[in-house]
Structure formats: structure tokens, C-alpha cells
Amino acid sequence: MRRCTDRWATLSASVNDMRLKRAYKIDHLRDMAKARLPRVVFDYLDGGAEDEVTLKANRAAYEGLRLIPRILGGGRVDLETELFGHKLAAPMIIGPTGLNGLYWPDGDLELARSSSAAGIGFAMSTASNASIEEVARDIGVPFWFQLYPWGNPDFSERLLDRAEAANCSAIIITVDSLVGGKRERDLHHGFSHEIRMSAPIIVDGLLHPRWLTSVWLSGKKPRFKNLTNFLGEGATDRQLAEFTRAQRNPQFSWDDVALIRSRWKGPLLVKGVMCAADAIRARESGADGIIVSNHGGRQLDGAPATIKVLGDVVDGLHGSIPVLVDGGVRRGTDIVKALATGAKAVLLGRATLYGLAAGGRKGVDLALSILLDELQRTMLLIGCESPSQLGRQHLLQP
């Protein structure tokens, strides 16, 4: 049985490599991920809240922005960006996402390794399937830890202690998911941080043997490793999933942000800001940076696209602290549009996750190379030699 599984894995890897060679845009990686993953897993990756109005708006807003071509602007582009004292090879960070082990074995580590090789930043989630310590041992690039401020203050305190011991260079407090969004694709499958077996899901898994053998039968089924510290290593997957569902904290307040600020000595960013007033309040509470985010359209359906509010947030802060943005980035042109609007860098979510689900580390490497190529090409076509030169003069204003 073991020999058959190994042979299947080798054959599957060869076929996957051939498919990756034909992918030249992020949407191709999405198609590959959709073909490889069972529907319950793909829908968790791809879906949003309710009618997915905001999910679609994130993409539509980027597509609606126009760049102004400029000719004979020079033929060299340097994408290097400095952020909180660290130099990044490009203004990109792989953003914090949970349950990445559902897409590929050791998914979080594969994302971290790819970001390290590319020289960009990596942010890991509280809900990751690798521990803070595992990722810290694996990468050398700026390593940020994203904190869900769940439960009582002791929950955050213990995670912050571990992030500090692991030499995390910054923390992100995610504040837009204190109440869970109504993700109807997940409700359809009965999915809530764990796969609950039913006849349709079992059949679907059998119809996706590449995923079944590489993830579900590999002995590396995903666990919330950052949370076993609270329940013990013997906690079951069901207990860990129930723990995450029980830890929502809608009472979390600006005073709590200030309390974490007093505890954490390094850079602190607040993620989930969608208006200038909240950005100013975050800065007053001690934030060193803002991440404009609607959680990838997975929380409040009907919220605006992030690129639509980015300019207001940037203007409201008057350059006092860096502003980053996520949500809907699928092209190098999207990154240029975000930077021209005032973002210091973008966080990548689904773009690199599609790569991970399509081909593991090789898929993530490919996703990053596609975006970097498009980013550099776009910069040349609008006559810019560095991200610092980008501004709203490069966008066709309505």
C-alpha cells in the first residue's frame, strides 16, 4: 500500500509540474487549485460572506482603475522597499491566512520558505497549521505574527510571549473578525474550521485523489498548532476547532489595543481599518502602521473595496505612519495601483494561496514570480524606476 501511494505521489508531482509550466497568470493557478481541491476546501479558500458582493467588489475596483502610460521614462526598475527598518526586495508581504495545511502539507512553512527566497515579508496567522516556533526556525526575512485577540487577555499575552521569544519583527492585530462573517459556501458544506465527514464530502474527496493522498492520507492533517499550547498536545481536531469558535471577543476595544501596545515593544499594525477616522484612532492607540482590509470580503458583505477607501485613509494620516492594503490583488498592475494610491506595500492572500493549492512551494514561487514580473513590467510602462516615485498622477482620475 505504501509503495502504491509513493508511486502515485511521484506521478502526481510530475503531472503537476507540467501543468505549472503552462500557468502564466494567477487565474491559471486558481483553476489548478479548483481542479485539485475537493469542493469544501476550495470554497473555503475562494469564498466570501453572504452574497459575496464585497469579494467581487475588491476585484472590480482594481479593474476599474486606469493607469497612465508614460514613454521614455528609463529602463531600470528597483523594487526594493524599506518597511519598519527592514528591506524588502519588493513592496509585497505574504499576508496572514489560516488553515493553509488544508491546501498542501506544511502549507504555512511552504509559504514562509517561498517568501524568504523571494526576499519579501511573511506574516503568519494565529490560526495557522504551523507553530510560531516552527516558522521562526525556517525563515530569515521579516517575520510578522498576526494576533486574533480572542478570549481573555491571557490568550493574547501567551501568544505575544511566544512571538517575542521567536524574534517576530512585528505584530498585526486583526480587529475586523471579532464576530464571524456569514460565509454561506462554508455553511452549505457544514464547514467550520474542520471538515465534518458526510457522504457527499467523502465522495468528493475520493474524486480528488491528488489532494486525498497528499493531505488527508499523508499523516499531516492540519491542526491549529498555535492553540495546542492552550488545550494540550492531546487535544483532538474537533476540540481545537471548537476552541477557535468559542474564542470570539466582540468586547475587544481601543483600550485593549493600547494595552497590547504597552506590552509589545516592536512595530504594531492594526488590520481591518476601512475609514480614516478608525485609522486615526488606531494611531492614537499606539499603532505604528495600518492595514486597510475587509478580510478578503469574508466578513461584512456590502463593505466597500479596499482600494476605494485606501486614499481616504492615507490622506487622513498625512504620512504619519505607513498604510498597507490587501484584498483582491491578482496582478502586478493591482500592486502598482495600490502603491500609486498611497500604500507602502500590499499583503497577498488568495494569490499565493492559489499557488500553494496548485503546487505547494513551486506554486507559491510561481505566483510570486508572476506578480513580480508584472509589477516590474508595469513600472516600466508608466515610466517609474522605483515604488517611491509612484503617486496618484499615475492614475487616471475620475
Protein backbone atom coordinates (compact mmCIF):
# COMPACT_ATOMS: atom_id res chain seq x y z
CA MET A 1 0.00 0.00 0.00
CA ARG A 2 2.81 2.37 0.93
CA ARG A 3 4.65 1.65 -2.33
CA CYS A 4 1.50 2.35 -4.38
CA THR A 5 0.97 5.62 -2.51
CA ASP A 6 4.56 6.68 -3.17
CA ARG A 7 4.29 5.85 -6.87
CA TRP A 8 1.04 7.79 -7.11
CA ALA A 9 2.65 10.76 -5.37
CA THR A 10 5.60 10.73 -7.80
CA LEU A 11 3.32 10.53 -10.84
CA SER A 12 1.05 13.23 -9.45
CA ALA A 13 4.01 15.53 -8.82
CA SER A 14 5.24 15.10 -12.41
CA VAL A 15 1.83 15.88 -13.85
CA ASN A 16 1.53 18.89 -11.56
CA ASP A 17 4.92 20.24 -12.65
CA MET A 18 3.86 20.07 -16.30
CA ARG A 19 0.65 21.96 -15.52
CA LEU A 20 2.52 24.65 -13.60
CA LYS A 21 4.75 25.28 -16.62
CA ARG A 22 1.65 26.31 -18.57
CA ALA A 23 0.47 28.83 -15.94
CA TYR A 24 1.32 32.45 -16.64
CA LYS A 25 -1.27 34.32 -14.55
CA ILE A 26 -2.79 33.96 -11.10
CA ASP A 27 -6.15 32.91 -12.55
CA HIS A 28 -4.45 29.85 -14.07
CA LEU A 29 -3.26 28.86 -10.59
CA ARG A 30 -6.81 29.37 -9.32
CA ASP A 31 -8.08 26.98 -12.00
CA MET A 32 -5.46 24.41 -10.98
CA ALA A 33 -6.37 24.78 -7.32
CA LYS A 34 -10.05 24.30 -8.12
CA ALA A 35 -9.29 21.11 -10.04
CA ARG A 36 -7.09 19.64 -7.28
CA LEU A 37 -9.12 20.51 -4.17
CA PRO A 38 -12.40 19.00 -3.00
CA ARG A 39 -15.25 21.49 -3.26
CA VAL A 40 -15.45 22.04 0.53
CA VAL A 41 -11.77 23.04 0.66
CA PHE A 42 -11.82 25.18 -2.49
CA ASP A 43 -14.91 27.03 -1.33
CA TYR A 44 -13.24 27.83 2.00
CA LEU A 45 -10.29 29.28 0.08
CA ASP A 46 -12.25 31.07 -2.61
CA GLY A 47 -15.44 32.16 -0.89
CA GLY A 48 -16.68 35.26 0.90
CA ALA A 49 -19.55 36.37 3.09
CA GLU A 50 -23.23 36.17 2.14
CA ASP A 51 -23.78 37.24 -1.50
CA GLU A 52 -20.05 37.90 -1.93
CA VAL A 53 -20.72 41.48 -3.04
CA THR A 54 -17.57 42.77 -1.33
CA LEU A 55 -15.50 39.83 -2.53
CA LYS A 56 -16.35 40.72 -6.13
CA ALA A 57 -16.01 44.46 -5.48
CA ASN A 58 -12.37 44.05 -4.44
CA ARG A 59 -11.52 42.78 -7.92
CA ALA A 60 -13.89 45.07 -9.82
CA ALA A 61 -12.43 48.16 -8.17
CA TYR A 62 -8.90 47.33 -9.30
CA GLU A 63 -10.14 46.52 -12.80
CA GLY A 64 -11.94 49.87 -12.96
CA LEU A 65 -8.81 51.91 -12.18
CA ARG A 66 -6.75 53.10 -15.15
CA LEU A 67 -3.00 53.72 -15.27
CA ILE A 68 -1.48 56.47 -17.44
CA PRO A 69 1.30 55.17 -19.70
CA ARG A 70 4.45 57.32 -19.82
CA ILE A 71 7.06 56.79 -22.52
CA LEU A 72 10.86 57.00 -22.44
CA GLY A 73 10.96 57.09 -18.64
CA GLY A 74 14.06 54.96 -18.22
CA GLY A 75 14.71 51.26 -18.48
CA ARG A 76 15.72 50.25 -14.98
CA VAL A 77 13.41 49.41 -12.09
CA ASP A 78 14.45 48.90 -8.46
CA LEU A 79 11.57 47.47 -6.42
CA GLU A 80 13.38 47.47 -3.07
CA THR A 81 11.26 48.88 -0.26
CA GLU A 82 12.08 49.63 3.36
CA LEU A 83 9.45 48.94 5.99
CA PHE A 84 9.98 49.26 9.75
CA GLY A 85 13.73 49.16 9.31
CA HIS A 86 13.75 46.05 7.09
CA LYS A 87 14.49 46.00 3.38
CA LEU A 88 12.13 44.03 1.15
CA ALA A 89 13.04 43.02 -2.40
CA ALA A 90 9.59 44.27 -3.47
CA PRO A 91 6.67 46.01 -1.73
CA MET A 92 4.86 42.73 -1.05
CA ILE A 93 4.17 40.61 2.01
CA ILE A 94 2.51 37.22 2.13
CA GLY A 95 -0.37 38.02 4.45
CA PRO A 96 -1.70 36.01 7.38
CA THR A 97 -4.14 33.24 6.46
CA GLY A 98 -5.38 30.25 8.42
CA LEU A 99 -5.76 26.53 7.73
CA ASN A 100 -3.13 26.51 4.97
CA GLY A 101 -2.39 22.87 5.74
CA LEU A 102 -5.73 22.05 4.10
CA TYR A 103 -4.28 23.01 0.72
CA TRP A 104 -0.83 21.42 0.92
CA PRO A 105 1.16 19.56 3.60
CA ASP A 106 3.08 22.07 5.76
CA GLY A 107 1.37 24.86 3.85
CA ASP A 108 2.45 27.64 6.21
CA LEU A 109 6.08 26.55 6.03
CA GLU A 110 5.95 26.40 2.23
CA LEU A 111 4.60 29.97 2.12
CA ALA A 112 7.29 31.13 4.53
CA ARG A 113 10.07 29.44 2.57
CA SER A 114 8.88 30.99 -0.67
CA SER A 115 8.71 34.48 0.86
CA SER A 116 12.22 34.02 2.26
CA ALA A 117 13.60 33.00 -1.14
CA ALA A 118 11.91 35.99 -2.79
CA GLY A 119 13.17 38.41 -0.14
CA ILE A 120 9.72 39.68 0.81
CA GLY A 121 7.93 39.66 4.15
CA PHE A 122 5.81 36.89 5.66
CA ALA A 123 3.01 37.21 8.22
CA MET A 124 1.63 34.11 9.92
CA SER A 125 -1.82 33.73 11.43
CA THR A 126 -2.89 32.75 14.92
CA ALA A 127 -4.95 30.10 13.09
CA SER A 128 -2.00 28.69 11.15
CA ASN A 129 -1.22 24.99 11.00
CA ALA A 130 2.45 25.53 11.85
CA SER A 131 3.57 26.93 15.17
CA ILE A 132 5.27 30.28 15.64
CA GLU A 133 8.43 28.43 16.62
CA GLU A 134 8.43 26.21 13.51
CA VAL A 135 8.15 29.17 11.16
CA ALA A 136 10.78 31.15 13.08
CA ARG A 137 13.27 28.32 12.56
CA ASP A 138 12.52 28.18 8.86
CA ILE A 139 12.84 31.74 7.55
CA GLY A 140 15.08 34.76 7.86
CA VAL A 141 13.02 37.50 6.22
CA PRO A 142 10.90 39.94 8.23
CA PHE A 143 8.54 37.62 10.10
CA TRP A 144 5.32 39.13 11.43
CA PHE A 145 2.80 37.46 13.70
CA GLN A 146 -0.90 38.18 13.31
CA LEU A 147 -2.85 38.10 16.55
CA TYR A 148 -6.54 37.35 16.77
CA PRO A 149 -7.40 38.99 20.12
CA TRP A 150 -9.59 36.09 21.22
CA GLY A 151 -10.74 35.19 24.70
CA ASN A 152 -9.39 36.86 27.81
CA PRO A 153 -6.17 38.93 27.95
CA ASP A 154 -4.18 35.85 28.97
CA PHE A 155 -4.76 34.39 25.48
CA SER A 156 -3.04 37.32 23.80
CA GLU A 157 -0.36 37.57 26.48
CA ARG A 158 0.80 34.00 26.00
CA LEU A 159 0.94 34.32 22.23
CA LEU A 160 2.82 37.61 22.45
CA ASP A 161 5.38 35.98 24.76
CA ARG A 162 5.97 33.28 22.16
CA ALA A 163 6.17 35.82 19.30
CA GLU A 164 8.73 37.80 21.27
CA ALA A 165 10.80 34.69 22.01
CA ALA A 166 10.68 33.78 18.30
CA ASN A 167 12.02 37.25 17.38
CA CYS A 168 8.97 38.25 15.36
CA SER A 169 9.75 41.66 13.89
CA ALA A 170 6.17 43.00 14.11
CA ILE A 171 2.68 42.00 15.16
CA ILE A 172 -0.63 42.56 13.43
CA ILE A 173 -3.83 42.85 15.47
CA THR A 174 -6.78 41.79 13.31
CA VAL A 175 -9.87 43.65 14.53
CA ASP A 176 -12.46 43.03 11.80
CA SER A 177 -13.42 39.46 12.74
CA LEU A 178 -14.45 39.76 16.38
CA VAL A 179 -17.77 38.38 15.12
CA GLY A 180 -17.64 35.72 12.42
CA GLY A 181 -18.87 36.55 8.94
CA LYS A 182 -21.72 34.57 7.42
CA ARG A 183 -19.79 32.51 4.87
CA GLU A 184 -22.56 30.69 3.07
CA ARG A 185 -20.37 28.41 0.98
CA ASP A 186 -18.96 27.01 4.24
CA LEU A 187 -22.45 26.73 5.73
CA HIS A 188 -23.51 24.69 2.70
CA HIS A 189 -20.76 22.16 3.42
CA GLY A 190 -21.15 22.25 7.21
CA PHE A 191 -17.55 23.51 7.38
CA SER A 192 -16.39 25.48 10.41
CA HIS A 193 -12.62 25.19 10.93
CA GLU A 194 -12.85 21.42 10.44
CA ILE A 195 -14.09 19.00 7.78
CA ARG A 196 -17.06 17.04 9.09
CA MET A 197 -17.39 13.84 7.17
CA SER A 198 -20.59 13.20 5.26
CA ALA A 199 -21.37 11.04 2.26
CA PRO A 200 -21.07 13.90 -0.29
CA ILE A 201 -17.78 15.10 1.20
CA ILE A 202 -16.31 11.57 1.26
CA VAL A 203 -17.26 11.07 -2.39
CA ASP A 204 -15.81 14.48 -3.27
CA GLY A 205 -12.55 13.58 -1.53
CA LEU A 206 -12.32 10.32 -3.47
CA LEU A 207 -12.85 12.24 -6.70
CA HIS A 208 -9.77 14.36 -5.89
CA PRO A 209 -7.10 11.70 -5.28
CA ARG A 210 -4.14 14.10 -5.62
CA TRP A 211 -5.41 16.09 -2.64
CA LEU A 212 -6.59 12.99 -0.77
CA THR A 213 -3.20 11.27 -0.86
CA SER A 214 -1.05 14.37 -0.33
CA VAL A 215 -3.09 15.92 2.51
CA TRP A 216 -5.71 13.72 4.09
CA LEU A 217 -3.85 10.40 3.94
CA SER A 218 -0.35 11.82 4.36
CA GLY A 219 -0.29 11.81 8.16
CA LYS A 220 -0.08 15.61 8.09
CA LYS A 221 -3.71 16.58 8.51
CA PRO A 222 -3.84 20.25 9.57
CA ARG A 223 -4.01 21.15 13.26
CA PHE A 224 -4.10 24.55 14.94
CA LYS A 225 -0.60 24.18 16.34
CA ASN A 226 -0.51 27.62 17.95
CA LEU A 227 -3.52 26.61 20.03
CA THR A 228 -2.35 23.24 21.35
CA ASN A 229 -0.46 25.28 23.95
CA PHE A 230 -3.86 26.12 25.46
CA LEU A 231 -5.54 22.70 25.26
CA GLY A 232 -2.55 20.35 25.28
CA GLU A 233 -0.98 18.24 22.55
CA GLY A 234 -3.59 15.54 23.08
CA ALA A 235 -6.46 17.82 22.01
CA THR A 236 -8.49 16.42 19.12
CA ASP A 237 -9.09 18.32 15.89
CA ARG A 238 -12.72 18.75 16.96
CA GLN A 239 -11.68 20.25 20.32
CA LEU A 240 -9.26 22.67 18.65
CA ALA A 241 -11.91 23.77 16.16
CA GLU A 242 -14.47 24.25 18.92
CA PHE A 243 -11.91 26.29 20.87
CA THR A 244 -11.45 28.72 17.95
CA ARG A 245 -15.20 29.11 17.56
CA ALA A 246 -15.63 29.81 21.27
CA GLN A 247 -12.93 32.45 21.48
CA ARG A 248 -14.58 35.29 19.56
CA ASN A 249 -14.29 38.51 21.55
CA PRO A 250 -16.74 41.22 20.39
CA GLN A 251 -15.94 43.24 23.53
CA PHE A 252 -12.37 43.92 22.35
CA SER A 253 -11.85 47.70 22.41
CA TRP A 254 -9.39 50.52 21.67
CA ASP A 255 -8.31 50.30 25.30
CA ASP A 256 -7.30 46.69 24.63
CA VAL A 257 -5.29 47.80 21.61
CA ALA A 258 -3.49 50.31 23.83
CA LEU A 259 -2.86 47.57 26.40
CA ILE A 260 -1.25 45.32 23.78
CA ARG A 261 0.73 48.32 22.58
CA SER A 262 2.16 48.78 26.07
CA ARG A 263 3.09 45.09 26.15
CA TRP A 264 4.66 44.76 22.69
CA LYS A 265 7.88 46.72 22.13
CA GLY A 266 8.25 46.30 18.36
CA PRO A 267 6.19 47.61 15.44
CA LEU A 268 2.44 47.06 15.80
CA LEU A 269 -0.10 47.21 12.97
CA VAL A 270 -3.90 47.24 13.15
CA LYS A 271 -5.60 45.25 10.38
CA GLY A 272 -9.21 45.70 9.33
CA VAL A 273 -9.31 49.50 9.08
CA MET A 274 -11.69 50.82 6.42
CA CYS A 275 -12.01 54.55 7.14
CA ALA A 276 -9.80 57.50 8.07
CA ALA A 277 -11.45 58.02 11.46
CA ASP A 278 -10.58 54.48 12.60
CA ALA A 279 -7.06 54.83 11.18
CA ILE A 280 -6.52 57.97 13.27
CA ARG A 281 -7.93 56.24 16.34
CA ALA A 282 -5.58 53.29 15.77
CA ARG A 283 -2.60 55.64 15.54
CA GLU A 284 -3.69 57.37 18.75
CA SER A 285 -3.86 53.94 20.42
CA GLY A 286 -0.23 53.33 19.50
CA ALA A 287 -0.33 51.65 16.09
CA ASP A 288 2.82 52.02 14.01
CA GLY A 289 1.04 51.00 10.83
CA ILE A 290 -2.41 50.44 9.32
CA ILE A 291 -3.64 47.63 7.10
CA VAL A 292 -6.67 48.61 5.06
CA SER A 293 -8.60 45.35 4.83
CA ASN A 294 -12.11 43.97 4.55
CA HIS A 295 -10.86 40.46 5.34
CA GLY A 296 -10.96 39.49 1.69
CA GLY A 297 -14.72 40.05 1.57
CA ARG A 298 -15.25 37.36 4.20
CA GLN A 299 -16.79 39.48 6.95
CA LEU A 300 -19.19 42.39 6.27
CA ASP A 301 -20.77 41.87 2.87
CA GLY A 302 -21.55 45.23 1.34
CA ALA A 303 -18.39 46.87 2.68
CA PRO A 304 -16.50 48.85 0.03
CA ALA A 305 -13.50 47.57 -1.84
CA THR A 306 -10.24 48.28 -0.03
CA ILE A 307 -8.68 50.23 -2.92
CA LYS A 308 -11.75 52.52 -2.85
CA VAL A 309 -11.10 53.68 0.73
CA LEU A 310 -7.30 53.47 0.69
CA GLY A 311 -6.83 57.04 -0.48
CA ASP A 312 -9.02 58.48 2.28
CA VAL A 313 -7.10 56.55 4.94
CA VAL A 314 -3.75 57.67 3.54
CA ASP A 315 -4.90 61.30 3.38
CA GLY A 316 -6.31 61.18 6.91
CA LEU A 317 -2.96 60.08 8.34
CA HIS A 318 -0.89 62.64 6.40
CA GLY A 319 2.05 60.28 6.08
CA SER A 320 2.47 59.89 9.85
CA ILE A 321 2.55 56.07 9.72
CA PRO A 322 2.72 53.54 6.85
CA VAL A 323 -0.50 52.26 5.31
CA LEU A 324 -0.68 48.81 3.75
CA VAL A 325 -3.59 47.20 1.91
CA ASP A 326 -4.93 43.76 1.00
CA GLY A 327 -7.94 42.37 -0.81
CA GLY A 328 -8.30 41.49 -4.49
CA VAL A 329 -4.66 41.72 -5.59
CA ARG A 330 -4.22 39.36 -8.58
CA ARG A 331 -1.97 41.33 -10.91
CA GLY A 332 1.20 43.39 -10.84
CA THR A 333 -0.91 46.24 -12.14
CA ASP A 334 -3.04 45.96 -8.97
CA ILE A 335 0.07 46.40 -6.84
CA VAL A 336 1.08 49.50 -8.82
CA LYS A 337 -2.43 50.96 -8.43
CA ALA A 338 -2.32 50.39 -4.66
CA LEU A 339 1.12 51.96 -4.33
CA ALA A 340 0.11 54.92 -6.52
CA THR A 341 -2.90 55.48 -4.25
CA GLY A 342 -0.58 55.71 -1.25
CA ALA A 343 0.02 52.21 0.11
CA LYS A 344 3.55 51.40 1.25
CA ALA A 345 3.11 47.71 0.38
CA VAL A 346 0.43 45.12 -0.33
CA LEU A 347 -0.42 41.94 1.53
CA LEU A 348 -1.07 38.90 -0.65
CA GLY A 349 -3.79 36.43 0.31
CA ARG A 350 -5.57 34.29 -2.26
CA ALA A 351 -2.99 34.99 -4.99
CA THR A 352 -0.31 32.99 -3.21
CA LEU A 353 -2.80 30.51 -1.71
CA TYR A 354 -3.95 29.54 -5.21
CA GLY A 355 -0.30 28.83 -5.97
CA LEU A 356 0.06 26.78 -2.79
CA ALA A 357 -3.07 24.74 -3.53
CA ALA A 358 -2.00 24.23 -7.13
CA GLY A 359 1.56 23.08 -6.50
CA GLY A 360 2.90 23.63 -2.99
CA ARG A 361 6.18 25.56 -2.74
CA LYS A 362 6.63 25.51 -6.53
CA GLY A 363 3.18 27.02 -6.97
CA VAL A 364 3.86 29.80 -4.46
CA ASP A 365 7.20 30.55 -6.12
CA LEU A 366 5.41 30.77 -9.45
CA ALA A 367 2.70 33.07 -8.08
CA LEU A 368 5.33 35.45 -6.72
CA SER A 369 7.37 35.37 -9.94
CA ILE A 370 4.24 36.16 -11.98
CA LEU A 371 3.40 39.15 -9.78
CA LEU A 372 7.00 40.40 -9.71
CA ASP A 373 7.29 40.18 -13.49
CA GLU A 374 4.00 42.02 -13.98
CA LEU A 375 4.95 44.62 -11.36
CA GLN A 376 8.29 45.38 -12.99
CA ARG A 377 6.78 45.42 -16.48
CA THR A 378 4.04 47.84 -15.38
CA MET A 379 6.55 50.16 -13.71
CA LEU A 380 8.49 50.38 -16.99
CA LEU A 381 5.34 51.07 -19.00
CA ILE A 382 4.35 54.01 -16.79
CA GLY A 383 7.88 55.40 -16.62
CA CYS A 384 8.66 54.71 -12.94
CA GLU A 385 12.00 53.43 -11.69
CA SER A 386 11.06 52.80 -8.03
CA PRO A 387 7.95 52.48 -5.85
CA SER A 388 8.83 55.78 -4.16
CA GLN A 389 8.11 57.60 -7.43
CA LEU A 390 4.57 56.30 -7.69
CA GLY A 391 1.71 58.67 -6.94
CA ARG A 392 -1.82 59.50 -7.95
CA GLN A 393 -0.50 61.30 -11.03
CA HIS A 394 -0.08 57.83 -12.49
CA LEU A 395 -3.80 57.08 -12.16
CA LEU A 396 -6.50 58.41 -14.47
CA GLN A 397 -8.64 60.33 -12.01
CA PRO A 398 -12.44 60.17 -12.49
